[in-house]
Amino acid sequence: MALADSARGLPNGGGGNASRSAGRSPQDPGASGPVGVGVEPFPEIVELNVGGQVYVTRRGTVLSVPGSLLWRMFSQQEASELPRDSKGRFFLDRDGFLFRYVLDYLRDQELVLPERFPERSRLQKEAEYFQLPDLVRRLAAAAAPLPSSAAAARFSGPLLLRDPSPVGGSARAGALALAGRRRRRRRWRWGPPGAGRRSGYITIGYRGSYTIGREAQADAKFRRVARITVCGKTALAKEVFGETLNESRDPDRPPERYTARYYLKFNFLEQAFDRLSEAGFRMAACSSTGTCAFAPEQGGPADDKIWTSYTEYVFCRE
């Protein structure tokens, strides 16, 4: 988005002066280094500190959109004029989390946002600040209300923001659209939200341990997961895990009651995750704790340490 003040956001007011013109070739304002004596060149690999988040990219990436704020900073100014942090990285006082999407756009002029992305309006403000009019236009179009048929077609898939022009990128767009349809088919396998299926939470827990000797990771001895526990409503657990669910510790629990005494007949976490995903569950949270004990206390070698961890994964289905 063009701004009335072309120097907005640039240290020292932006623009060129006599000393700067002497240090850079007028034929190539984006050259990798000035030709003048005593002028600090820009590195080919640029480290950026954006609101405390560190990003590393090529200088050509930040110069990919001519006329943008970053293009002017890294082509029309000298490296010594830009603010830096205590470690010498170029500093930008902006939202460090949202800058990852700005950087993605600079790489290929396309942007894929995650599902249920709540920061679209804030990202649009960041795009306006960095003076990326095409990105602003796409975000504004994505935020516009859609007809009911179009809204249904966009059911909860990742949002692909790309130029609507049919020229170029058709193969990439087709592949992304196919991947989105496959994801929706997997999610709708058990019906859309509210289609007669139970909603609720299931917690998967496991305890694992491993021994680290004097050679650290090179000498690590891992022990298999002894048991994967299942906590939640009885009916949900039986629906998801079926015959692989061991109910021997709580055999007579009514379907609508909750239990924390079930466990699985297999020891592979990925197998449990696959079953939950196929049943329409998604991971909502996880937590882990760990303790360390010296092996002599457990009857092992004196230099070994035994680490034990307990981890829980919370899955939900709406």
Protein backbone atom coordinates (compact mmCIF):
# COMPACT_ATOMS: atom_id res chain seq x y z
CA MET A 1 0.00 0.00 0.00
CA ALA A 2 1.59 3.23 -1.10
CA LEU A 3 2.18 5.76 1.63
CA ALA A 4 2.37 9.50 1.30
CA ASP A 5 5.62 9.59 3.23
CA SER A 6 8.07 7.38 1.39
CA ALA A 7 10.44 7.43 4.37
CA ARG A 8 7.95 5.96 6.83
CA GLY A 9 9.53 3.37 9.11
CA LEU A 10 13.06 3.96 7.85
CA PRO A 11 15.81 4.93 10.30
CA ASN A 12 17.14 8.47 9.86
CA GLY A 13 14.19 9.39 7.63
CA GLY A 14 15.07 7.15 4.66
CA GLY A 15 15.91 8.50 1.23
CA GLY A 16 19.35 9.13 -0.21
CA ASN A 17 21.99 11.74 0.45
CA ALA A 18 25.32 12.66 -1.05
CA SER A 19 27.43 10.33 1.09
CA ARG A 20 25.06 7.42 0.46
CA SER A 21 25.03 8.01 -3.29
CA ALA A 22 28.80 8.01 -3.33
CA GLY A 23 28.84 4.61 -1.60
CA ARG A 24 26.47 2.72 -3.96
CA SER A 25 26.23 2.34 -7.69
CA PRO A 26 23.25 4.29 -9.09
CA GLN A 27 22.71 1.61 -11.72
CA ASP A 28 22.09 -1.09 -9.11
CA PRO A 29 20.61 0.16 -5.83
CA GLY A 30 20.18 -3.40 -4.62
CA ALA A 31 23.78 -4.44 -5.12
CA SER A 32 25.18 -6.71 -2.45
CA GLY A 33 27.83 -4.23 -1.40
CA PRO A 34 28.76 -0.58 -1.87
CA VAL A 35 31.78 0.44 -3.85
CA GLY A 36 32.72 3.37 -1.65
CA VAL A 37 35.48 3.25 0.94
CA GLY A 38 34.47 2.86 4.61
CA VAL A 39 30.87 1.86 3.90
CA GLU A 40 29.62 -1.35 5.55
CA PRO A 41 28.12 -3.78 2.98
CA PHE A 42 25.00 -5.83 3.60
CA PRO A 43 25.62 -9.54 4.20
CA GLU A 44 24.14 -12.09 1.82
CA ILE A 45 22.52 -13.90 4.79
CA VAL A 46 20.46 -11.45 6.85
CA GLU A 47 19.60 -11.96 10.52
CA LEU A 48 16.48 -10.12 11.68
CA ASN A 49 15.24 -9.57 15.21
CA VAL A 50 11.53 -8.84 14.87
CA GLY A 51 9.97 -8.06 18.24
CA GLY A 52 12.28 -10.56 19.95
CA GLN A 53 11.82 -13.34 17.36
CA VAL A 54 14.93 -14.11 15.31
CA TYR A 55 14.66 -14.84 11.58
CA VAL A 56 17.47 -15.76 9.19
CA THR A 57 16.93 -15.30 5.46
CA ARG A 58 18.70 -14.30 2.26
CA ARG A 59 19.01 -10.64 1.40
CA GLY A 60 17.39 -11.40 -1.94
CA THR A 61 14.23 -12.45 -0.09
CA VAL A 62 13.78 -9.13 1.69
CA LEU A 63 14.43 -7.38 -1.65
CA SER A 64 11.87 -9.49 -3.54
CA VAL A 65 9.11 -6.81 -3.54
CA PRO A 66 10.45 -3.51 -4.96
CA GLY A 67 9.11 -0.44 -3.23
CA SER A 68 8.33 -2.21 0.05
CA LEU A 69 9.68 -1.03 3.38
CA LEU A 70 12.19 -3.86 3.64
CA TRP A 71 13.33 -3.28 0.05
CA ARG A 72 14.08 0.36 0.84
CA MET A 73 15.80 -0.50 4.12
CA PHE A 74 18.15 -3.05 2.55
CA SER A 75 18.77 -1.34 -0.79
CA GLN A 76 18.40 2.41 -0.30
CA GLN A 77 20.12 2.67 3.08
CA GLU A 78 23.48 1.61 4.41
CA ALA A 79 23.84 -1.26 6.85
CA SER A 80 25.36 1.02 9.47
CA GLU A 81 22.23 3.21 9.49
CA LEU A 82 19.78 0.46 10.46
CA PRO A 83 19.05 -0.27 14.13
CA ARG A 84 20.53 -3.45 15.57
CA ASP A 85 20.18 -5.47 18.74
CA SER A 86 22.97 -6.35 21.16
CA LYS A 87 24.12 -9.24 18.93
CA GLY A 88 24.28 -7.19 15.75
CA ARG A 89 21.04 -8.44 14.18
CA PHE A 90 18.89 -5.92 12.30
CA PHE A 91 16.03 -4.92 14.59
CA LEU A 92 12.38 -4.32 13.67
CA ASP A 93 9.94 -3.31 16.39
CA ARG A 94 7.00 -5.28 15.01
CA ASP A 95 4.99 -8.41 15.84
CA GLY A 96 7.52 -11.25 15.71
CA PHE A 97 4.89 -14.00 15.50
CA LEU A 98 3.08 -12.53 12.48
CA PHE A 99 6.30 -11.69 10.66
CA ARG A 100 6.72 -15.37 9.74
CA TYR A 101 3.76 -15.01 7.36
CA VAL A 102 5.21 -11.80 5.91
CA LEU A 103 8.48 -13.63 5.29
CA ASP A 104 6.65 -16.56 3.68
CA TYR A 105 4.97 -14.14 1.30
CA LEU A 106 8.29 -12.51 0.41
CA ARG A 107 9.73 -15.90 -0.53
CA ASP A 108 7.21 -16.89 -3.20
CA GLN A 109 4.40 -14.27 -3.17
CA GLU A 110 1.98 -16.87 -1.83
CA LEU A 111 0.71 -17.46 1.67
CA VAL A 112 -0.96 -20.43 3.38
CA LEU A 113 -2.60 -19.59 6.70
CA PRO A 114 -3.41 -22.24 9.33
CA GLU A 115 -6.93 -23.34 10.12
CA ARG A 116 -9.11 -20.99 12.17
CA PHE A 117 -6.49 -18.24 11.89
CA PRO A 118 -7.71 -15.47 14.25
CA GLU A 119 -5.05 -12.85 13.46
CA ARG A 120 -5.99 -12.01 9.86
CA SER A 121 -6.82 -8.36 10.59
CA ARG A 122 -3.58 -7.88 12.53
CA LEU A 123 -1.63 -9.54 9.74
CA GLN A 124 -3.23 -7.12 7.31
CA LYS A 125 -1.95 -4.22 9.43
CA GLU A 126 1.53 -5.72 9.35
CA ALA A 127 1.30 -6.00 5.57
CA GLU A 128 0.29 -2.34 5.39
CA TYR A 129 3.22 -1.35 7.59
CA PHE A 130 5.70 -3.27 5.43
CA GLN A 131 4.04 -1.71 2.35
CA LEU A 132 3.07 -4.91 0.57
CA PRO A 133 -0.05 -3.86 -1.37
CA ASP A 134 -0.64 -7.23 -3.03
CA LEU A 135 -0.63 -9.04 0.32
CA VAL A 136 -2.98 -6.40 1.76
CA ARG A 137 -5.37 -6.94 -1.15
CA ARG A 138 -5.43 -10.72 -0.67
CA LEU A 139 -6.00 -10.49 3.07
CA ALA A 140 -8.81 -7.97 2.56
CA ALA A 141 -10.43 -10.26 -0.04
CA ALA A 142 -10.16 -13.26 2.29
CA ALA A 143 -11.85 -11.31 5.09
CA ALA A 144 -14.82 -10.31 2.88
CA PRO A 145 -18.06 -12.26 3.57
CA LEU A 146 -18.69 -15.17 1.18
CA PRO A 147 -21.96 -16.50 -0.26
CA SER A 148 -23.29 -19.49 1.64
CA SER A 149 -22.23 -21.96 -1.06
CA ALA A 150 -18.68 -20.60 -1.13
CA ALA A 151 -18.51 -20.62 2.65
CA ALA A 152 -19.50 -24.31 2.71
CA ALA A 153 -16.80 -25.11 0.18
CA ARG A 154 -14.19 -23.56 2.48
CA PHE A 155 -14.96 -25.91 5.38
CA SER A 156 -12.12 -25.57 7.90
CA GLY A 157 -9.30 -26.20 5.41
CA PRO A 158 -6.08 -24.14 5.33
CA LEU A 159 -6.48 -20.82 3.59
CA LEU A 160 -4.43 -20.41 0.43
CA LEU A 161 -3.94 -16.76 -0.47
CA ARG A 162 -2.60 -16.45 -3.97
CA ASP A 163 -3.05 -14.28 -7.00
CA PRO A 164 -6.39 -15.13 -8.68
CA SER A 165 -4.79 -14.74 -12.10
CA PRO A 166 -4.86 -18.08 -13.99
CA VAL A 167 -1.38 -17.47 -15.42
CA GLY A 168 1.28 -19.64 -13.74
CA GLY A 169 1.19 -21.73 -10.59
CA SER A 170 -1.69 -23.93 -11.81
CA ALA A 171 0.09 -27.18 -10.92
CA ARG A 172 0.90 -25.98 -7.39
CA ALA A 173 -2.64 -24.69 -6.87
CA GLY A 174 -4.11 -27.99 -8.09
CA ALA A 175 -1.90 -30.01 -5.73
CA LEU A 176 -2.87 -27.83 -2.75
CA ALA A 177 -6.56 -28.06 -3.63
CA LEU A 178 -6.32 -31.87 -3.87
CA ALA A 179 -4.57 -32.06 -0.49
CA GLY A 180 -7.31 -29.91 1.04
CA ARG A 181 -10.04 -32.18 -0.34
CA ARG A 182 -8.28 -35.25 1.04
CA ARG A 183 -8.02 -33.64 4.48
CA ARG A 184 -11.72 -32.80 4.42
CA ARG A 185 -12.63 -36.35 3.39
CA ARG A 186 -10.63 -37.75 6.31
CA ARG A 187 -12.30 -35.36 8.74
CA TRP A 188 -15.77 -36.10 7.39
CA ARG A 189 -15.28 -39.84 7.59
CA TRP A 190 -17.25 -39.86 10.81
CA GLY A 191 -19.62 -37.13 9.65
CA PRO A 192 -19.50 -33.32 9.90
CA PRO A 193 -19.68 -31.60 13.32
CA GLY A 194 -22.95 -32.33 15.05
CA ALA A 195 -23.92 -35.21 12.71
CA GLY A 196 -24.99 -37.56 15.51
CA ARG A 197 -21.50 -38.31 16.83
CA ARG A 198 -20.39 -37.82 20.41
CA SER A 199 -18.24 -34.82 21.29
CA GLY A 200 -15.76 -34.88 24.14
CA TYR A 201 -12.18 -35.34 25.25
CA ILE A 202 -9.82 -38.30 25.48
CA THR A 203 -6.47 -38.14 27.29
CA ILE A 204 -3.64 -40.45 26.27
CA GLY A 205 -0.84 -40.97 28.81
CA TYR A 206 2.38 -42.92 28.81
CA ARG A 207 5.43 -43.37 31.00
CA GLY A 208 8.83 -43.94 29.43
CA SER A 209 12.40 -44.17 30.65
CA TYR A 210 15.89 -44.31 29.24
CA THR A 211 19.43 -44.58 30.58
CA ILE A 212 22.28 -42.24 29.60
CA GLY A 213 25.81 -43.31 30.36
CA ARG A 214 29.13 -41.50 30.38
CA GLU A 215 29.04 -41.02 26.59
CA ALA A 216 25.71 -39.14 26.82
CA GLN A 217 23.42 -39.57 23.81
CA ALA A 218 25.86 -41.89 22.06
CA ASP A 219 25.34 -44.41 24.87
CA ALA A 220 21.60 -43.90 25.44
CA LYS A 221 19.64 -47.07 26.17
CA PHE A 222 15.94 -46.61 25.53
CA ARG A 223 13.27 -48.72 27.11
CA ARG A 224 10.00 -49.34 25.35
CA VAL A 225 6.77 -47.75 26.54
CA ALA A 226 5.29 -50.24 28.98
CA ARG A 227 1.65 -49.08 28.81
CA ILE A 228 -0.48 -46.41 27.13
CA THR A 229 -3.34 -45.29 29.37
CA VAL A 230 -6.70 -43.92 28.19
CA CYS A 231 -8.78 -41.49 30.24
CA GLY A 232 -12.20 -40.17 29.30
CA LYS A 233 -15.81 -41.16 28.81
CA THR A 234 -16.23 -44.93 28.48
CA ALA A 235 -18.38 -44.75 25.34
CA LEU A 236 -15.88 -42.52 23.54
CA ALA A 237 -12.92 -44.72 24.42
CA LYS A 238 -14.70 -47.85 23.14
CA GLU A 239 -15.78 -46.09 19.95
CA VAL A 240 -12.23 -45.01 19.09
CA PHE A 241 -10.15 -48.00 20.20
CA GLY A 242 -12.62 -50.90 20.00
CA GLU A 243 -11.04 -54.31 20.59
CA THR A 244 -7.60 -52.78 21.21
CA LEU A 245 -8.88 -51.30 24.49
CA ASN A 246 -8.06 -53.30 27.64
CA GLU A 247 -10.94 -52.89 30.09
CA SER A 248 -9.77 -55.45 32.66
CA ARG A 249 -9.05 -52.83 35.34
CA ASP A 250 -12.54 -51.27 35.03
CA PRO A 251 -14.78 -53.84 33.31
CA ASP A 252 -18.26 -52.72 34.40
CA ARG A 253 -18.06 -48.96 33.84
CA PRO A 254 -21.36 -47.58 32.36
CA PRO A 255 -21.05 -45.95 28.89
CA GLU A 256 -21.71 -42.39 30.11
CA ARG A 257 -19.35 -42.57 33.08
CA TYR A 258 -15.70 -41.51 33.03
CA THR A 259 -12.70 -43.70 33.67
CA ALA A 260 -8.93 -43.33 34.08
CA ARG A 261 -8.19 -47.06 34.30
CA TYR A 262 -8.26 -48.20 30.67
CA TYR A 263 -5.10 -48.92 28.72
CA LEU A 264 -4.28 -50.09 25.22
CA LYS A 265 -3.19 -53.51 24.06
CA PHE A 266 -0.44 -52.04 21.89
CA ASN A 267 2.59 -49.87 22.75
CA PHE A 268 2.87 -47.52 19.78
CA LEU A 269 1.78 -43.94 20.38
CA GLU A 270 1.50 -43.29 16.63
CA GLN A 271 -1.05 -46.10 16.35
CA ALA A 272 -3.17 -44.45 19.04
CA PHE A 273 -2.85 -41.07 17.33
CA ASP A 274 -3.93 -42.56 13.99
CA ARG A 275 -7.07 -44.03 15.52
CA LEU A 276 -7.97 -40.75 17.18
CA SER A 277 -7.39 -38.81 13.96
CA GLU A 278 -9.55 -41.21 11.95
CA ALA A 279 -12.33 -40.77 14.51
CA GLY A 280 -12.27 -36.99 14.04
CA PHE A 281 -10.27 -36.03 17.12
CA ARG A 282 -7.56 -33.38 17.10
CA MET A 283 -4.84 -32.71 19.66
CA ALA A 284 -5.72 -29.83 21.96
CA ALA A 285 -2.86 -29.85 24.48
CA CYS A 286 -0.02 -31.91 25.91
CA SER A 287 2.20 -31.84 28.98
CA SER A 288 5.20 -33.76 30.24
CA THR A 289 7.21 -34.15 33.43
CA GLY A 290 10.55 -35.85 34.00
CA THR A 291 12.77 -37.04 36.83
CA CYS A 292 16.36 -38.24 36.96
CA ALA A 293 17.98 -40.80 39.25
CA PHE A 294 21.51 -42.18 39.39
CA ALA A 295 21.73 -45.78 38.25
CA PRO A 296 23.46 -47.10 41.45
CA GLU A 297 20.24 -46.40 43.30
CA GLN A 298 18.52 -48.69 40.80
CA GLY A 299 21.28 -51.31 40.84
CA GLY A 300 23.03 -50.07 37.67
CA PRO A 301 26.52 -48.74 36.78
CA ALA A 302 27.82 -45.82 38.83
CA ASP A 303 28.13 -43.39 35.89
CA ASP A 304 24.66 -43.98 34.43
CA LYS A 305 21.62 -41.76 34.87
CA ILE A 306 18.07 -43.05 34.50
CA TRP A 307 15.54 -40.53 33.18
CA THR A 308 11.84 -41.20 33.62
CA SER A 309 9.13 -39.12 31.99
CA TYR A 310 5.33 -39.07 32.06
CA THR A 311 3.50 -37.42 29.16
CA GLU A 312 -0.20 -36.77 28.51
CA TYR A 313 -1.86 -35.78 25.23
CA VAL A 314 -5.36 -34.29 25.28
CA PHE A 315 -7.52 -34.87 22.18
CA CYS A 316 -10.93 -33.31 21.54
CA ARG A 317 -13.78 -33.75 19.09
CA GLU A 318 -16.41 -31.07 18.68
